Amino acid sequence: MILDAFKFTNNLLLRNASKFLIVVFPVFVLQFLVYLSFASVPGNEFGTTSSSASFGEQLLTNLLSVYALPLVILLIDDIHKEKSRSISNYFIHALFFFFRILIISFITGFAVFFGLILLILPGMYVSARLLFAPFSAVLTNTGILDSVKKSFEITEERGWQILGYILAIVLPLMCVMIFILVVPGVFLIPQSMHAYMAIVFSLSFLFYVYFSIYSYRLFINLSNN
C-alpha cells in the first residue's frame, strides 16, 4: 500500500503541478501576505513583538491552512476521477466544507493534545486514526461526527500501521525541507527575512500538496478494503 501511495502521489503531482499552482498555491500566497502584514509590526519579524500580534498572525495562518485542505482534496479527487470544474467553483465549494473541517481540526487537535499529555506515541497514534476524517467529510459529504467515526472505522486495528505510513513520508519531507532551507537561511536571513520566508511558504505549499495526495491515496485504498 505504501509503495502504491508513493507512486500515485508522484505521478499525480508531476502531471498536474500547474493545477495545484493555480488552485491551491494562492492560499499560501495569502499566508505570506499575512506574514508581511504582521512583519510590519515592530519586532514581529524576529518574533519579539506582542503576544496579541503573534496570536493574530498564527490564527489567520491556521485558518487559511484549514481552508486549503478541502480545496486540495477537491482538486485531487477531480484529477483522479478525471472531472473538471471552474477555478471559482473550487474556492466556493471549499468554503462549504470550511466550518466542518475547522471543527474536525479542533477535535483532532484536542485528541492529539491529550494523547501527548500521556506520552508522545499515544498522541501520534490518535493523529493517525483521525487523519482521514477531513477526506471523509469532503469526499462523501458526511457530517463531523460521522467523518470522525469513518476515520476510526477504516483504521481499526491498523492504527500503528497507518502511523508508520505517515512517518514514512513526514520524516523524509522534514529532512528535505530542513536541508533545503539551511543554505538559503545562512545567506538570506541576515539580508532579507522576507525573501527567506517566501521560500519557506513555497516549500510548505509543495509538501502540503504532496502529503495531501499521499493521504488521499491511503484513504481510497482503506475505504475500498
N, C-alpha and C. Protein backbone atom coordinates (compact mmCIF):
# COMPACT_ATOMS: atom_id res chain seq x y z
N MET A 1 0.82 -1.21 0.00
CA MET A 1 0.00 0.00 0.00
C MET A 1 0.86 1.27 0.00
N ILE A 2 1.94 1.23 0.75
CA ILE A 2 2.77 2.43 0.87
C ILE A 2 3.48 2.74 -0.44
N LEU A 3 3.96 1.70 -1.15
CA LEU A 3 4.61 1.93 -2.44
C LEU A 3 3.62 2.44 -3.47
N ASP A 4 2.42 1.92 -3.42
CA ASP A 4 1.36 2.39 -4.32
C ASP A 4 1.04 3.85 -4.05
N ALA A 5 1.00 4.24 -2.77
CA ALA A 5 0.70 5.62 -2.41
C ALA A 5 1.78 6.57 -2.90
N PHE A 6 3.05 6.16 -2.76
CA PHE A 6 4.16 7.00 -3.24
C PHE A 6 4.11 7.14 -4.76
N LYS A 7 3.88 6.05 -5.45
CA LYS A 7 3.83 6.08 -6.91
C LYS A 7 2.67 6.94 -7.39
N PHE A 8 1.52 6.77 -6.77
CA PHE A 8 0.34 7.55 -7.12
C PHE A 8 0.60 9.04 -6.89
N THR A 9 1.20 9.36 -5.76
CA THR A 9 1.48 10.76 -5.41
C THR A 9 2.42 11.41 -6.40
N ASN A 10 3.51 10.72 -6.72
CA ASN A 10 4.50 11.28 -7.64
C ASN A 10 3.91 11.52 -9.03
N ASN A 11 3.16 10.53 -9.52
CA ASN A 11 2.59 10.65 -10.86
C ASN A 11 1.55 11.77 -10.93
N LEU A 12 0.66 11.81 -9.94
CA LEU A 12 -0.40 12.81 -9.97
C LEU A 12 0.15 14.22 -9.83
N LEU A 13 1.12 14.40 -8.96
CA LEU A 13 1.67 15.74 -8.75
C LEU A 13 2.47 16.22 -9.96
N LEU A 14 3.32 15.35 -10.50
CA LEU A 14 4.15 15.75 -11.64
C LEU A 14 3.32 16.09 -12.87
N ARG A 15 2.24 15.35 -13.07
CA ARG A 15 1.42 15.56 -14.27
C ARG A 15 0.45 16.73 -14.12
N ASN A 16 0.21 17.16 -12.89
CA ASN A 16 -0.81 18.19 -12.67
C ASN A 16 -0.30 19.33 -11.78
N ALA A 17 0.99 19.57 -11.80
CA ALA A 17 1.58 20.60 -10.94
C ALA A 17 0.96 21.97 -11.21
N SER A 18 0.68 22.28 -12.48
CA SER A 18 0.13 23.60 -12.82
C SER A 18 -1.24 23.81 -12.19
N LYS A 19 -2.03 22.75 -12.08
CA LYS A 19 -3.37 22.88 -11.48
C LYS A 19 -3.28 23.22 -9.99
N PHE A 20 -2.33 22.60 -9.32
CA PHE A 20 -2.15 22.90 -7.90
C PHE A 20 -1.62 24.32 -7.71
N LEU A 21 -0.79 24.77 -8.63
CA LEU A 21 -0.30 26.14 -8.55
C LEU A 21 -1.43 27.15 -8.71
N ILE A 22 -2.38 26.84 -9.59
CA ILE A 22 -3.48 27.76 -9.86
C ILE A 22 -4.51 27.76 -8.74
N VAL A 23 -4.82 26.57 -8.22
CA VAL A 23 -5.94 26.44 -7.28
C VAL A 23 -5.51 26.54 -5.82
N VAL A 24 -4.41 25.91 -5.45
CA VAL A 24 -4.01 25.80 -4.04
C VAL A 24 -2.97 26.83 -3.64
N PHE A 25 -2.02 27.09 -4.52
CA PHE A 25 -0.92 27.99 -4.18
C PHE A 25 -1.38 29.39 -3.74
N PRO A 26 -2.47 29.95 -4.31
CA PRO A 26 -2.92 31.27 -3.85
C PRO A 26 -3.18 31.35 -2.35
N VAL A 27 -3.59 30.25 -1.74
CA VAL A 27 -3.82 30.25 -0.29
C VAL A 27 -2.51 30.48 0.45
N PHE A 28 -1.44 29.90 -0.03
CA PHE A 28 -0.14 30.07 0.60
C PHE A 28 0.44 31.45 0.32
N VAL A 29 0.05 32.02 -0.82
CA VAL A 29 0.41 33.41 -1.10
C VAL A 29 -0.27 34.32 -0.08
N LEU A 30 -1.53 34.03 0.23
CA LEU A 30 -2.24 34.80 1.25
C LEU A 30 -1.58 34.65 2.61
N GLN A 31 -1.11 33.46 2.93
CA GLN A 31 -0.39 33.26 4.18
C GLN A 31 0.87 34.12 4.23
N PHE A 32 1.56 34.20 3.11
CA PHE A 32 2.76 35.02 3.04
C PHE A 32 2.41 36.50 3.21
N LEU A 33 1.28 36.92 2.62
CA LEU A 33 0.84 38.31 2.77
C LEU A 33 0.46 38.61 4.22
N VAL A 34 -0.12 37.61 4.90
CA VAL A 34 -0.42 37.76 6.33
C VAL A 34 0.88 37.96 7.10
N TYR A 35 1.87 37.15 6.78
CA TYR A 35 3.18 37.30 7.42
C TYR A 35 3.75 38.70 7.18
N LEU A 36 3.66 39.19 5.93
CA LEU A 36 4.20 40.51 5.62
C LEU A 36 3.46 41.60 6.38
N SER A 37 2.15 41.43 6.52
CA SER A 37 1.35 42.43 7.23
C SER A 37 1.76 42.52 8.69
N PHE A 38 1.95 41.38 9.32
CA PHE A 38 2.31 41.38 10.73
C PHE A 38 3.80 41.66 10.93
N ALA A 39 4.60 41.42 9.88
CA ALA A 39 6.03 41.72 9.98
C ALA A 39 6.27 43.22 10.08
N SER A 40 5.29 44.02 9.61
CA SER A 40 5.43 45.47 9.69
C SER A 40 5.28 45.98 11.13
N VAL A 41 4.72 45.11 12.01
CA VAL A 41 4.64 45.47 13.43
C VAL A 41 6.04 45.41 14.01
N PRO A 42 6.50 46.44 14.68
CA PRO A 42 7.88 46.47 15.20
C PRO A 42 8.23 45.24 16.02
N GLY A 43 9.28 44.57 15.62
CA GLY A 43 9.77 43.41 16.37
C GLY A 43 9.19 42.09 15.92
N ASN A 44 8.09 42.12 15.15
CA ASN A 44 7.41 40.88 14.83
C ASN A 44 8.21 40.01 13.86
N GLU A 45 9.00 40.64 13.02
CA GLU A 45 9.76 39.87 12.04
C GLU A 45 10.70 38.87 12.70
N PHE A 46 11.14 39.19 13.88
CA PHE A 46 12.06 38.30 14.60
C PHE A 46 11.41 37.70 15.85
N GLY A 47 10.06 37.78 15.89
CA GLY A 47 9.33 37.11 16.96
C GLY A 47 9.40 37.76 18.31
N THR A 48 9.65 39.07 18.36
CA THR A 48 9.77 39.74 19.66
C THR A 48 8.65 40.73 19.91
N THR A 49 7.61 40.68 19.09
CA THR A 49 6.52 41.63 19.26
C THR A 49 5.53 41.11 20.30
N SER A 50 4.42 41.81 20.48
CA SER A 50 3.44 41.45 21.50
C SER A 50 2.79 40.11 21.18
N SER A 51 2.32 39.46 22.24
CA SER A 51 1.69 38.15 22.08
C SER A 51 0.40 38.24 21.28
N SER A 52 -0.31 39.36 21.38
CA SER A 52 -1.57 39.51 20.65
C SER A 52 -1.33 39.54 19.15
N ALA A 53 -0.27 40.22 18.70
CA ALA A 53 0.05 40.26 17.28
C ALA A 53 0.47 38.89 16.79
N SER A 54 1.27 38.19 17.56
CA SER A 54 1.70 36.84 17.19
C SER A 54 0.51 35.90 17.11
N PHE A 55 -0.40 36.05 18.08
CA PHE A 55 -1.60 35.20 18.08
C PHE A 55 -2.46 35.48 16.85
N GLY A 56 -2.61 36.74 16.50
CA GLY A 56 -3.41 37.09 15.34
C GLY A 56 -2.82 36.54 14.06
N GLU A 57 -1.51 36.64 13.93
CA GLU A 57 -0.84 36.10 12.74
C GLU A 57 -1.02 34.59 12.66
N GLN A 58 -0.81 33.91 13.78
CA GLN A 58 -0.93 32.46 13.80
C GLN A 58 -2.35 32.01 13.53
N LEU A 59 -3.33 32.75 14.05
CA LEU A 59 -4.73 32.40 13.85
C LEU A 59 -5.11 32.49 12.37
N LEU A 60 -4.75 33.59 11.74
CA LEU A 60 -5.06 33.76 10.32
C LEU A 60 -4.36 32.71 9.46
N THR A 61 -3.11 32.43 9.79
CA THR A 61 -2.36 31.43 9.03
C THR A 61 -3.00 30.05 9.16
N ASN A 62 -3.42 29.70 10.38
CA ASN A 62 -4.05 28.40 10.60
C ASN A 62 -5.40 28.31 9.90
N LEU A 63 -6.18 29.38 9.91
CA LEU A 63 -7.47 29.37 9.24
C LEU A 63 -7.30 29.18 7.73
N LEU A 64 -6.29 29.80 7.18
CA LEU A 64 -6.01 29.62 5.76
C LEU A 64 -5.58 28.18 5.46
N SER A 65 -4.85 27.57 6.38
CA SER A 65 -4.45 26.17 6.22
C SER A 65 -5.67 25.26 6.24
N VAL A 66 -6.61 25.57 7.12
CA VAL A 66 -7.86 24.80 7.19
C VAL A 66 -8.63 24.92 5.88
N TYR A 67 -8.68 26.12 5.32
CA TYR A 67 -9.37 26.35 4.06
C TYR A 67 -8.68 25.62 2.90
N ALA A 68 -7.35 25.53 2.96
CA ALA A 68 -6.60 24.87 1.90
C ALA A 68 -6.89 23.38 1.82
N LEU A 69 -7.27 22.77 2.96
CA LEU A 69 -7.46 21.32 2.99
C LEU A 69 -8.63 20.86 2.11
N PRO A 70 -9.85 21.38 2.28
CA PRO A 70 -10.91 20.94 1.35
C PRO A 70 -10.61 21.34 -0.07
N LEU A 71 -9.90 22.43 -0.27
CA LEU A 71 -9.54 22.89 -1.61
C LEU A 71 -8.66 21.85 -2.31
N VAL A 72 -7.62 21.39 -1.61
CA VAL A 72 -6.71 20.43 -2.23
C VAL A 72 -7.35 19.06 -2.36
N ILE A 73 -8.22 18.68 -1.42
CA ILE A 73 -8.90 17.38 -1.51
C ILE A 73 -9.83 17.35 -2.71
N LEU A 74 -10.58 18.43 -2.92
CA LEU A 74 -11.48 18.50 -4.08
C LEU A 74 -10.70 18.40 -5.39
N LEU A 75 -9.58 19.10 -5.46
CA LEU A 75 -8.79 19.09 -6.68
C LEU A 75 -8.18 17.72 -6.94
N ILE A 76 -7.64 17.09 -5.91
CA ILE A 76 -7.05 15.76 -6.06
C ILE A 76 -8.10 14.77 -6.54
N ASP A 77 -9.27 14.81 -5.93
CA ASP A 77 -10.33 13.88 -6.29
C ASP A 77 -10.79 14.09 -7.73
N ASP A 78 -10.92 15.32 -8.14
CA ASP A 78 -11.33 15.61 -9.52
C ASP A 78 -10.29 15.13 -10.53
N ILE A 79 -9.02 15.33 -10.21
CA ILE A 79 -7.96 14.87 -11.10
C ILE A 79 -7.97 13.36 -11.21
N HIS A 80 -8.10 12.70 -10.06
CA HIS A 80 -8.10 11.24 -10.04
C HIS A 80 -9.29 10.67 -10.80
N LYS A 81 -10.43 11.30 -10.68
CA LYS A 81 -11.66 10.82 -11.34
C LYS A 81 -11.89 11.47 -12.70
N GLU A 82 -10.90 12.26 -13.14
CA GLU A 82 -10.93 12.92 -14.45
C GLU A 82 -12.17 13.80 -14.60
N LYS A 83 -12.45 14.54 -13.54
CA LYS A 83 -13.53 15.51 -13.58
C LYS A 83 -12.93 16.90 -13.72
N SER A 84 -13.77 17.85 -14.05
CA SER A 84 -13.28 19.23 -14.17
C SER A 84 -14.35 20.19 -13.66
N ARG A 85 -13.90 21.30 -13.15
CA ARG A 85 -14.79 22.37 -12.70
C ARG A 85 -14.03 23.67 -12.80
N SER A 86 -14.73 24.78 -12.73
CA SER A 86 -14.08 26.07 -12.83
C SER A 86 -13.27 26.35 -11.57
N ILE A 87 -12.29 27.22 -11.70
CA ILE A 87 -11.45 27.57 -10.56
C ILE A 87 -12.29 28.21 -9.46
N SER A 88 -13.21 29.06 -9.84
CA SER A 88 -14.07 29.72 -8.85
C SER A 88 -14.91 28.70 -8.10
N ASN A 89 -15.29 27.64 -8.77
CA ASN A 89 -16.10 26.60 -8.13
C ASN A 89 -15.32 25.92 -7.01
N TYR A 90 -14.02 25.74 -7.21
CA TYR A 90 -13.19 25.14 -6.16
C TYR A 90 -13.19 26.03 -4.91
N PHE A 91 -12.98 27.32 -5.12
CA PHE A 91 -12.91 28.23 -3.98
C PHE A 91 -14.26 28.32 -3.25
N ILE A 92 -15.34 28.32 -4.01
CA ILE A 92 -16.67 28.40 -3.39
C ILE A 92 -17.02 27.10 -2.68
N HIS A 93 -16.74 25.98 -3.35
CA HIS A 93 -17.08 24.68 -2.78
C HIS A 93 -16.27 24.41 -1.51
N ALA A 94 -15.03 24.86 -1.50
CA ALA A 94 -14.19 24.69 -0.30
C ALA A 94 -14.75 25.44 0.89
N LEU A 95 -15.37 26.58 0.63
CA LEU A 95 -16.00 27.34 1.71
C LEU A 95 -17.14 26.56 2.35
N PHE A 96 -17.82 25.76 1.54
CA PHE A 96 -18.93 24.95 2.04
C PHE A 96 -18.46 23.98 3.11
N PHE A 97 -17.24 23.47 2.95
CA PHE A 97 -16.70 22.49 3.89
C PHE A 97 -15.84 23.12 4.98
N PHE A 98 -15.63 24.43 4.92
CA PHE A 98 -14.68 25.08 5.82
C PHE A 98 -15.02 24.85 7.29
N PHE A 99 -16.25 25.14 7.69
CA PHE A 99 -16.62 25.01 9.09
C PHE A 99 -16.51 23.56 9.55
N ARG A 100 -16.89 22.63 8.68
CA ARG A 100 -16.83 21.21 9.02
C ARG A 100 -15.38 20.78 9.27
N ILE A 101 -14.49 21.20 8.38
CA ILE A 101 -13.07 20.85 8.53
C ILE A 101 -12.47 21.55 9.74
N LEU A 102 -12.94 22.76 10.02
CA LEU A 102 -12.44 23.50 11.18
C LEU A 102 -12.75 22.76 12.48
N ILE A 103 -13.99 22.30 12.61
CA ILE A 103 -14.38 21.56 13.83
C ILE A 103 -13.63 20.24 13.92
N ILE A 104 -13.46 19.55 12.80
CA ILE A 104 -12.70 18.30 12.79
C ILE A 104 -11.26 18.57 13.22
N SER A 105 -10.72 19.69 12.79
CA SER A 105 -9.35 20.06 13.18
C SER A 105 -9.26 20.30 14.68
N PHE A 106 -10.30 20.94 15.25
CA PHE A 106 -10.33 21.16 16.70
C PHE A 106 -10.39 19.83 17.44
N ILE A 107 -11.27 18.94 16.97
CA ILE A 107 -11.40 17.63 17.61
C ILE A 107 -10.07 16.87 17.55
N THR A 108 -9.45 16.89 16.38
CA THR A 108 -8.16 16.22 16.21
C THR A 108 -7.11 16.84 17.11
N GLY A 109 -7.09 18.17 17.15
CA GLY A 109 -6.10 18.86 17.97
C GLY A 109 -6.23 18.53 19.44
N PHE A 110 -7.46 18.54 19.96
CA PHE A 110 -7.68 18.21 21.37
C PHE A 110 -7.33 16.75 21.66
N ALA A 111 -7.73 15.86 20.76
CA ALA A 111 -7.45 14.44 20.97
C ALA A 111 -5.95 14.17 20.98
N VAL A 112 -5.25 14.79 20.02
CA VAL A 112 -3.80 14.61 19.96
C VAL A 112 -3.13 15.24 21.18
N PHE A 113 -3.64 16.39 21.61
CA PHE A 113 -3.07 17.07 22.78
C PHE A 113 -3.14 16.19 24.02
N PHE A 114 -4.32 15.60 24.25
CA PHE A 114 -4.47 14.76 25.43
C PHE A 114 -3.65 13.47 25.29
N GLY A 115 -3.50 13.01 24.03
CA GLY A 115 -2.65 11.85 23.82
C GLY A 115 -1.20 12.17 24.12
N LEU A 116 -0.77 13.39 23.76
CA LEU A 116 0.61 13.79 24.02
C LEU A 116 0.88 14.01 25.50
N ILE A 117 -0.19 14.35 26.25
CA ILE A 117 -0.02 14.51 27.70
C ILE A 117 0.40 13.19 28.32
N LEU A 118 -0.18 12.10 27.81
CA LEU A 118 0.18 10.78 28.33
C LEU A 118 1.60 10.43 27.91
N LEU A 119 1.79 10.34 26.60
CA LEU A 119 3.11 10.08 26.03
C LEU A 119 3.07 10.56 24.58
N ILE A 120 4.21 10.68 23.95
CA ILE A 120 4.25 11.14 22.57
C ILE A 120 3.58 10.14 21.64
N LEU A 121 3.84 8.86 21.82
CA LEU A 121 3.31 7.85 20.92
C LEU A 121 1.79 7.79 20.91
N PRO A 122 1.10 7.83 22.06
CA PRO A 122 -0.37 7.86 22.01
C PRO A 122 -0.91 9.04 21.21
N GLY A 123 -0.27 10.20 21.33
CA GLY A 123 -0.70 11.36 20.57
C GLY A 123 -0.54 11.14 19.08
N MET A 124 0.57 10.56 18.68
CA MET A 124 0.81 10.27 17.27
C MET A 124 -0.15 9.21 16.76
N TYR A 125 -0.46 8.25 17.62
CA TYR A 125 -1.40 7.19 17.24
C TYR A 125 -2.79 7.76 16.98
N VAL A 126 -3.23 8.67 17.85
CA VAL A 126 -4.54 9.31 17.67
C VAL A 126 -4.57 10.13 16.39
N SER A 127 -3.49 10.83 16.09
CA SER A 127 -3.44 11.62 14.86
C SER A 127 -3.57 10.73 13.63
N ALA A 128 -2.99 9.53 13.69
CA ALA A 128 -3.09 8.59 12.58
C ALA A 128 -4.53 8.09 12.42
N ARG A 129 -5.20 7.84 13.53
CA ARG A 129 -6.58 7.34 13.47
C ARG A 129 -7.54 8.40 12.94
N LEU A 130 -7.20 9.68 13.15
CA LEU A 130 -8.10 10.77 12.74
C LEU A 130 -7.69 11.43 11.43
N LEU A 131 -6.62 10.94 10.81
CA LEU A 131 -6.08 11.57 9.61
C LEU A 131 -7.11 11.68 8.49
N PHE A 132 -7.98 10.70 8.36
CA PHE A 132 -8.85 10.63 7.19
C PHE A 132 -10.23 11.25 7.41
N ALA A 133 -10.47 11.82 8.58
CA ALA A 133 -11.77 12.45 8.83
C ALA A 133 -12.07 13.59 7.84
N PRO A 134 -11.12 14.49 7.55
CA PRO A 134 -11.41 15.55 6.56
C PRO A 134 -11.71 14.99 5.18
N PHE A 135 -11.03 13.91 4.79
CA PHE A 135 -11.26 13.31 3.48
C PHE A 135 -12.67 12.72 3.41
N SER A 136 -13.10 12.10 4.50
CA SER A 136 -14.46 11.57 4.55
C SER A 136 -15.49 12.68 4.47
N ALA A 137 -15.24 13.78 5.17
CA ALA A 137 -16.17 14.91 5.19
C ALA A 137 -16.34 15.51 3.80
N VAL A 138 -15.24 15.65 3.08
CA VAL A 138 -15.29 16.31 1.77
C VAL A 138 -15.75 15.35 0.67
N LEU A 139 -15.20 14.15 0.64
CA LEU A 139 -15.45 13.24 -0.47
C LEU A 139 -16.78 12.52 -0.38
N THR A 140 -17.27 12.32 0.83
CA THR A 140 -18.56 11.64 0.98
C THR A 140 -19.64 12.56 1.54
N ASN A 141 -19.24 13.82 1.80
CA ASN A 141 -20.19 14.84 2.29
C ASN A 141 -20.91 14.37 3.55
N THR A 142 -20.14 13.81 4.48
CA THR A 142 -20.72 13.35 5.74
C THR A 142 -20.51 14.40 6.82
N GLY A 143 -21.27 14.28 7.90
CA GLY A 143 -21.17 15.23 9.00
C GLY A 143 -19.89 15.08 9.78
N ILE A 144 -19.71 15.96 10.74
CA ILE A 144 -18.47 15.99 11.51
C ILE A 144 -18.23 14.69 12.27
N LEU A 145 -19.20 14.30 13.09
CA LEU A 145 -19.03 13.10 13.91
C LEU A 145 -18.97 11.85 13.06
N ASP A 146 -19.76 11.80 11.99
CA ASP A 146 -19.72 10.64 11.10
C ASP A 146 -18.38 10.53 10.39
N SER A 147 -17.78 11.68 10.07
CA SER A 147 -16.47 11.67 9.42
C SER A 147 -15.40 11.15 10.37
N VAL A 148 -15.47 11.59 11.62
CA VAL A 148 -14.53 11.10 12.63
C VAL A 148 -14.71 9.61 12.84
N LYS A 149 -15.97 9.18 12.90
CA LYS A 149 -16.27 7.76 13.07
C LYS A 149 -15.74 6.94 11.90
N LYS A 150 -15.93 7.47 10.69
CA LYS A 150 -15.46 6.78 9.50
C LYS A 150 -13.95 6.60 9.53
N SER A 151 -13.23 7.64 9.95
CA SER A 151 -11.77 7.57 10.03
C SER A 151 -11.33 6.49 11.01
N PHE A 152 -12.03 6.40 12.15
CA PHE A 152 -11.70 5.37 13.14
C PHE A 152 -12.03 3.98 12.59
N GLU A 153 -13.11 3.88 11.83
CA GLU A 153 -13.52 2.58 11.31
C GLU A 153 -12.52 2.01 10.31
N ILE A 154 -12.08 2.85 9.37
CA ILE A 154 -11.19 2.33 8.31
C ILE A 154 -9.76 2.12 8.82
N THR A 155 -9.45 2.68 9.99
CA THR A 155 -8.12 2.47 10.56
C THR A 155 -8.14 1.50 11.73
N GLU A 156 -9.28 0.86 11.95
CA GLU A 156 -9.40 -0.07 13.07
C GLU A 156 -8.39 -1.21 12.91
N GLU A 157 -7.67 -1.47 13.98
CA GLU A 157 -6.62 -2.49 14.03
C GLU A 157 -5.47 -2.19 13.07
N ARG A 158 -5.43 -0.95 12.57
CA ARG A 158 -4.35 -0.56 11.66
C ARG A 158 -3.71 0.76 12.10
N GLY A 159 -4.02 1.19 13.31
CA GLY A 159 -3.55 2.49 13.76
C GLY A 159 -2.04 2.64 13.69
N TRP A 160 -1.31 1.66 14.22
CA TRP A 160 0.15 1.74 14.22
C TRP A 160 0.71 1.60 12.81
N GLN A 161 0.02 0.80 12.00
CA GLN A 161 0.45 0.65 10.60
C GLN A 161 0.31 1.97 9.85
N ILE A 162 -0.83 2.65 10.05
CA ILE A 162 -1.06 3.94 9.40
C ILE A 162 -0.05 4.96 9.91
N LEU A 163 0.25 4.92 11.19
CA LEU A 163 1.25 5.82 11.75
C LEU A 163 2.60 5.60 11.06
N GLY A 164 2.92 4.34 10.80
CA GLY A 164 4.16 4.04 10.08
C GLY A 164 4.14 4.62 8.68
N TYR A 165 2.99 4.53 8.02
CA TYR A 165 2.85 5.12 6.68
C TYR A 165 3.06 6.63 6.72
N ILE A 166 2.52 7.26 7.77
CA ILE A 166 2.66 8.72 7.90
C ILE A 166 4.11 9.11 8.14
N LEU A 167 4.75 8.41 9.06
CA LEU A 167 6.15 8.73 9.36
C LEU A 167 7.05 8.47 8.16
N ALA A 168 6.67 7.50 7.34
CA ALA A 168 7.48 7.17 6.16
C ALA A 168 7.55 8.32 5.18
N ILE A 169 6.57 9.21 5.22
CA ILE A 169 6.60 10.36 4.32
C ILE A 169 6.94 11.65 5.05
N VAL A 170 6.49 11.78 6.30
CA VAL A 170 6.71 13.02 7.05
C VAL A 170 8.19 13.21 7.38
N LEU A 171 8.83 12.17 7.87
CA LEU A 171 10.24 12.30 8.26
C LEU A 171 11.15 12.66 7.09
N PRO A 172 11.02 11.99 5.94
CA PRO A 172 11.85 12.40 4.80
C PRO A 172 11.55 13.82 4.33
N LEU A 173 10.26 14.21 4.32
CA LEU A 173 9.91 15.56 3.89
C LEU A 173 10.50 16.60 4.83
N MET A 174 10.46 16.31 6.13
CA MET A 174 11.04 17.24 7.10
C MET A 174 12.55 17.37 6.89
N CYS A 175 13.21 16.25 6.66
CA CYS A 175 14.66 16.28 6.44
C CYS A 175 15.00 17.06 5.18
N VAL A 176 14.22 16.84 4.12
CA VAL A 176 14.46 17.55 2.87
C VAL A 176 14.23 19.04 3.05
N MET A 177 13.15 19.39 3.75
CA MET A 177 12.83 20.80 3.96
C MET A 177 13.93 21.48 4.78
N ILE A 178 14.40 20.82 5.84
CA ILE A 178 15.46 21.40 6.66
C ILE A 178 16.73 21.57 5.84
N PHE A 179 17.06 20.55 5.04
CA PHE A 179 18.28 20.59 4.23
C PHE A 179 18.20 21.73 3.20
N ILE A 180 17.04 21.88 2.56
CA ILE A 180 16.88 22.92 1.54
C ILE A 180 16.94 24.31 2.16
N LEU A 181 16.41 24.45 3.38
CA LEU A 181 16.32 25.78 4.00
C LEU A 181 17.60 26.22 4.70
N VAL A 182 18.51 25.29 4.95
CA VAL A 182 19.72 25.67 5.68
C VAL A 182 20.57 26.65 4.90
N VAL A 183 20.87 26.31 3.65
CA VAL A 183 21.76 27.17 2.85
C VAL A 183 21.14 28.54 2.58
N PRO A 184 19.88 28.60 2.09
CA PRO A 184 19.27 29.92 1.91
C PRO A 184 19.20 30.71 3.21
N GLY A 185 18.98 29.99 4.31
CA GLY A 185 18.88 30.67 5.60
C GLY A 185 20.16 31.39 5.98
N VAL A 186 21.30 30.75 5.70
CA VAL A 186 22.59 31.35 6.05
C VAL A 186 22.80 32.67 5.31
N PHE A 187 22.37 32.71 4.04
CA PHE A 187 22.62 33.90 3.23
C PHE A 187 21.48 34.91 3.28
N LEU A 188 20.23 34.42 3.40
CA LEU A 188 19.09 35.32 3.28
C LEU A 188 18.63 35.93 4.59
N ILE A 189 18.67 35.17 5.69
CA ILE A 189 18.14 35.68 6.96
C ILE A 189 18.83 36.98 7.38
N PRO A 190 20.15 37.07 7.30
CA PRO A 190 20.76 38.36 7.68
C PRO A 190 20.45 39.49 6.71
N GLN A 191 20.18 39.14 5.43
CA GLN A 191 19.97 40.16 4.41
C GLN A 191 18.49 40.49 4.22
N SER A 192 17.67 39.44 4.07
CA SER A 192 16.25 39.65 3.80
C SER A 192 15.42 38.49 4.36
N MET A 193 14.83 38.72 5.51
CA MET A 193 13.98 37.72 6.13
C MET A 193 12.75 37.44 5.28
N HIS A 194 12.26 38.46 4.59
CA HIS A 194 11.07 38.29 3.75
C HIS A 194 11.33 37.31 2.61
N ALA A 195 12.49 37.43 1.97
CA ALA A 195 12.83 36.52 0.87
C ALA A 195 12.94 35.09 1.39
N TYR A 196 13.52 34.94 2.56
CA TYR A 196 13.64 33.61 3.16
C TYR A 196 12.26 33.02 3.46
N MET A 197 11.37 33.82 4.01
CA MET A 197 10.02 33.34 4.33
C MET A 197 9.23 33.01 3.08
N ALA A 198 9.51 33.69 1.98
CA ALA A 198 8.85 33.36 0.72
C ALA A 198 9.22 31.94 0.29
N ILE A 199 10.49 31.58 0.51
CA ILE A 199 10.93 30.21 0.21
C ILE A 199 10.25 29.22 1.14
N VAL A 200 10.14 29.58 2.41
CA VAL A 200 9.51 28.70 3.40
C VAL A 200 8.06 28.41 3.03
N PHE A 201 7.30 29.44 2.68
CA PHE A 201 5.89 29.25 2.32
C PHE A 201 5.76 28.46 1.02
N SER A 202 6.67 28.66 0.09
CA SER A 202 6.63 27.91 -1.17
C SER A 202 6.88 26.43 -0.93
N LEU A 203 7.85 26.11 -0.09
CA LEU A 203 8.12 24.72 0.24
C LEU A 203 6.97 24.11 1.04
N SER A 204 6.38 24.91 1.92
CA SER A 204 5.23 24.44 2.70
C SER A 204 4.09 24.05 1.77
N PHE A 205 3.86 24.85 0.75
CA PHE A 205 2.84 24.54 -0.26
C PHE A 205 3.14 23.20 -0.92
N LEU A 206 4.36 23.02 -1.36
CA LEU A 206 4.74 21.79 -2.07
C LEU A 206 4.56 20.57 -1.19
N PHE A 207 5.02 20.64 0.05
CA PHE A 207 4.92 19.49 0.94
C PHE A 207 3.48 19.26 1.40
N TYR A 208 2.70 20.34 1.55
CA TYR A 208 1.29 20.23 1.92
C TYR A 208 0.53 19.45 0.85
N VAL A 209 0.77 19.81 -0.40
CA VAL A 209 0.11 19.14 -1.52
C VAL A 209 0.56 17.68 -1.60
N TYR A 210 1.85 17.44 -1.46
CA TYR A 210 2.38 16.09 -1.56
C TYR A 210 1.79 15.18 -0.48
N PHE A 211 1.76 15.68 0.75
CA PHE A 211 1.21 14.87 1.84
C PHE A 211 -0.29 14.64 1.66
N SER A 212 -1.00 15.63 1.13
CA SER A 212 -2.44 15.50 0.91
C SER A 212 -2.75 14.44 -0.15
N ILE A 213 -1.98 14.43 -1.22
CA ILE A 213 -2.17 13.42 -2.27
C ILE A 213 -1.89 12.03 -1.71
N TYR A 214 -0.82 11.92 -0.98
CA TYR A 214 -0.42 10.66 -0.35
C TYR A 214 -1.52 10.16 0.58
N SER A 215 -2.06 11.05 1.41
CA SER A 215 -3.12 10.68 2.35
C SER A 215 -4.40 10.31 1.61
N TYR A 216 -4.68 11.02 0.52
CA TYR A 216 -5.86 10.71 -0.29
C TYR A 216 -5.80 9.28 -0.80
N ARG A 217 -4.64 8.89 -1.30
CA ARG A 217 -4.49 7.53 -1.83
C ARG A 217 -4.67 6.50 -0.73
N LEU A 218 -4.11 6.75 0.43
CA LEU A 218 -4.30 5.83 1.55
C LEU A 218 -5.78 5.72 1.91
N PHE A 219 -6.46 6.87 1.92
CA PHE A 219 -7.89 6.88 2.25
C PHE A 219 -8.69 6.05 1.26
N ILE A 220 -8.42 6.22 -0.02
CA ILE A 220 -9.13 5.46 -1.05
C ILE A 220 -8.88 3.96 -0.88
N ASN A 221 -7.63 3.59 -0.67
CA ASN A 221 -7.30 2.17 -0.52
C ASN A 221 -7.96 1.58 0.71
N LEU A 222 -7.91 2.28 1.83
CA LEU A 222 -8.51 1.78 3.06
C LEU A 222 -10.02 1.70 2.94
N SER A 223 -10.63 2.68 2.30
CA SER A 223 -12.09 2.67 2.13
C SER A 223 -12.53 1.51 1.26
N ASN A 224 -11.76 1.23 0.21
CA ASN A 224 -12.11 0.11 -0.68
C ASN A 224 -11.95 -1.23 0.02
N ASN A 225 -10.96 -1.30 0.90
CA ASN A 225 -10.75 -2.55 1.63
C ASN A 225 -11.80 -2.76 2.70
